[in-house]
Amino acid sequence: MSTIQSSARAFEERMAKPLAEKSRSWESVQLSKNGDRIQVDINTALIDYRGEVAVLSIM
């Protein structure tokens, strides 16, 4: 499994919790174009957007 596939699977698993909890925070590592690793905090919440439920994520 590639790193991208692994990251995508981990993201899907993390996104399941905000749907149950309404919000969630976690840490992740992003790769820059030149290959440097950048540690980030991600905050995700369910919001009402124009009458629809939407997921807002801030990194």
N, C-alpha and C. Protein backbone atom coordinates (compact mmCIF):
# COMPACT_ATOMS: atom_id res chain seq x y z
N MET A 1 0.85 -1.17 0.00
CA MET A 1 0.00 0.00 0.00
C MET A 1 0.90 1.23 0.00
N SER A 2 0.58 2.20 -0.84
CA SER A 2 1.38 3.41 -0.93
C SER A 2 1.10 4.34 0.25
N THR A 3 1.98 5.30 0.45
CA THR A 3 1.79 6.28 1.52
C THR A 3 0.51 7.07 1.29
N ILE A 4 0.22 7.40 0.04
CA ILE A 4 -0.99 8.16 -0.27
C ILE A 4 -2.23 7.35 0.07
N GLN A 5 -2.23 6.06 -0.27
CA GLN A 5 -3.37 5.20 0.05
C GLN A 5 -3.53 5.07 1.56
N SER A 6 -2.40 4.93 2.27
CA SER A 6 -2.44 4.81 3.72
C SER A 6 -2.98 6.09 4.35
N SER A 7 -2.55 7.24 3.84
CA SER A 7 -3.02 8.53 4.36
C SER A 7 -4.51 8.70 4.09
N ALA A 8 -4.95 8.31 2.91
CA ALA A 8 -6.37 8.43 2.56
C ALA A 8 -7.22 7.55 3.47
N ARG A 9 -6.76 6.35 3.74
CA ARG A 9 -7.51 5.45 4.62
C ARG A 9 -7.57 6.02 6.04
N ALA A 10 -6.45 6.55 6.54
CA ALA A 10 -6.42 7.15 7.88
C ALA A 10 -7.37 8.35 7.95
N PHE A 11 -7.41 9.16 6.89
CA PHE A 11 -8.31 10.31 6.85
C PHE A 11 -9.76 9.86 6.93
N GLU A 12 -10.11 8.84 6.17
CA GLU A 12 -11.48 8.32 6.19
C GLU A 12 -11.86 7.85 7.59
N GLU A 13 -10.94 7.17 8.27
CA GLU A 13 -11.21 6.68 9.62
C GLU A 13 -11.40 7.85 10.58
N ARG A 14 -10.58 8.89 10.45
CA ARG A 14 -10.70 10.05 11.33
C ARG A 14 -11.99 10.82 11.06
N MET A 15 -12.44 10.85 9.82
CA MET A 15 -13.64 11.60 9.47
C MET A 15 -14.91 10.92 9.99
N ALA A 16 -14.86 9.63 10.26
CA ALA A 16 -16.03 8.93 10.77
C ALA A 16 -16.40 9.46 12.16
N LYS A 17 -15.41 9.83 12.97
CA LYS A 17 -15.69 10.31 14.32
C LYS A 17 -16.39 11.66 14.36
N PRO A 18 -15.99 12.67 13.56
CA PRO A 18 -16.72 13.93 13.64
C PRO A 18 -18.20 13.77 13.33
N LEU A 19 -18.53 12.84 12.46
CA LEU A 19 -19.93 12.64 12.15
C LEU A 19 -20.70 12.16 13.37
N ALA A 20 -20.05 11.43 14.24
CA ALA A 20 -20.69 10.96 15.46
C ALA A 20 -20.54 11.97 16.60
N GLU A 21 -19.40 12.68 16.65
CA GLU A 21 -19.10 13.56 17.77
C GLU A 21 -19.37 15.04 17.50
N LYS A 22 -19.62 15.43 16.28
CA LYS A 22 -19.84 16.81 15.83
C LYS A 22 -18.55 17.59 15.64
N SER A 23 -17.46 17.21 16.30
CA SER A 23 -16.17 17.87 16.07
C SER A 23 -15.04 16.94 16.47
N ARG A 24 -13.86 17.24 15.95
CA ARG A 24 -12.70 16.37 16.22
C ARG A 24 -11.43 17.15 15.88
N SER A 25 -10.37 16.89 16.62
CA SER A 25 -9.06 17.46 16.35
C SER A 25 -8.02 16.36 16.33
N TRP A 26 -7.02 16.49 15.47
CA TRP A 26 -5.93 15.54 15.44
C TRP A 26 -4.70 16.17 14.81
N GLU A 27 -3.57 15.50 14.97
CA GLU A 27 -2.32 15.94 14.37
C GLU A 27 -2.02 15.06 13.17
N SER A 28 -1.33 15.63 12.18
CA SER A 28 -0.97 14.90 10.99
C SER A 28 0.36 15.43 10.47
N VAL A 29 0.90 14.76 9.49
CA VAL A 29 2.13 15.21 8.83
C VAL A 29 1.81 15.36 7.35
N GLN A 30 2.09 16.53 6.82
CA GLN A 30 1.89 16.82 5.40
C GLN A 30 3.25 16.88 4.73
N LEU A 31 3.29 16.55 3.45
CA LEU A 31 4.53 16.63 2.69
C LEU A 31 4.50 17.85 1.78
N SER A 32 5.58 18.65 1.82
CA SER A 32 5.68 19.80 0.92
C SER A 32 6.13 19.32 -0.46
N LYS A 33 6.11 20.22 -1.43
CA LYS A 33 6.52 19.85 -2.78
C LYS A 33 7.95 19.34 -2.83
N ASN A 34 8.81 19.89 -1.95
CA ASN A 34 10.22 19.46 -1.98
C ASN A 34 10.48 18.26 -1.06
N GLY A 35 9.42 17.68 -0.48
CA GLY A 35 9.56 16.47 0.32
C GLY A 35 9.72 16.70 1.82
N ASP A 36 9.78 17.96 2.26
CA ASP A 36 9.86 18.24 3.70
C ASP A 36 8.57 17.82 4.37
N ARG A 37 8.68 17.32 5.59
CA ARG A 37 7.51 16.94 6.38
C ARG A 37 7.12 18.12 7.26
N ILE A 38 5.83 18.45 7.28
CA ILE A 38 5.32 19.57 8.05
C ILE A 38 4.24 19.04 8.99
N GLN A 39 4.45 19.20 10.30
CA GLN A 39 3.45 18.76 11.27
C GLN A 39 2.33 19.80 11.32
N VAL A 40 1.08 19.33 11.29
CA VAL A 40 -0.08 20.22 11.30
C VAL A 40 -1.11 19.72 12.31
N ASP A 41 -1.92 20.65 12.81
CA ASP A 41 -3.09 20.33 13.61
C ASP A 41 -4.30 20.50 12.71
N ILE A 42 -5.22 19.56 12.77
CA ILE A 42 -6.43 19.63 11.95
C ILE A 42 -7.64 19.62 12.89
N ASN A 43 -8.53 20.59 12.69
CA ASN A 43 -9.78 20.68 13.44
C ASN A 43 -10.93 20.53 12.47
N THR A 44 -11.84 19.62 12.79
CA THR A 44 -12.97 19.32 11.91
C THR A 44 -14.26 19.42 12.71
N ALA A 45 -15.28 20.02 12.10
CA ALA A 45 -16.57 20.15 12.76
C ALA A 45 -17.69 20.05 11.74
N LEU A 46 -18.82 19.55 12.19
CA LEU A 46 -20.02 19.58 11.36
C LEU A 46 -20.66 20.95 11.53
N ILE A 47 -21.04 21.56 10.41
CA ILE A 47 -21.68 22.89 10.46
C ILE A 47 -22.93 22.86 9.59
N ASP A 48 -23.76 23.88 9.79
CA ASP A 48 -24.91 24.08 8.93
C ASP A 48 -24.51 25.11 7.88
N TYR A 49 -24.55 24.73 6.61
CA TYR A 49 -24.19 25.65 5.52
C TYR A 49 -25.36 25.72 4.56
N ARG A 50 -26.02 26.86 4.57
CA ARG A 50 -27.19 27.08 3.71
C ARG A 50 -28.25 25.99 3.85
N GLY A 51 -28.45 25.60 5.10
CA GLY A 51 -29.48 24.60 5.39
C GLY A 51 -29.04 23.15 5.21
N GLU A 52 -27.80 22.93 4.84
CA GLU A 52 -27.27 21.58 4.65
C GLU A 52 -26.16 21.33 5.67
N VAL A 53 -25.98 20.08 6.07
CA VAL A 53 -24.89 19.71 6.94
C VAL A 53 -23.62 19.62 6.08
N ALA A 54 -22.55 20.25 6.56
CA ALA A 54 -21.27 20.24 5.85
C ALA A 54 -20.15 20.00 6.85
N VAL A 55 -19.03 19.52 6.34
CA VAL A 55 -17.85 19.30 7.17
C VAL A 55 -16.88 20.45 6.91
N LEU A 56 -16.50 21.15 8.00
CA LEU A 56 -15.53 22.24 7.91
C LEU A 56 -14.24 21.74 8.57
N SER A 57 -13.15 21.73 7.81
CA SER A 57 -11.86 21.32 8.34
C SER A 57 -10.87 22.48 8.19
N ILE A 58 -10.16 22.75 9.26
CA ILE A 58 -9.16 23.82 9.26
C ILE A 58 -7.83 23.20 9.66
N MET A 59 -6.82 23.49 8.84
CA MET A 59 -5.49 22.95 9.10
C MET A 59 -4.56 24.08 9.48
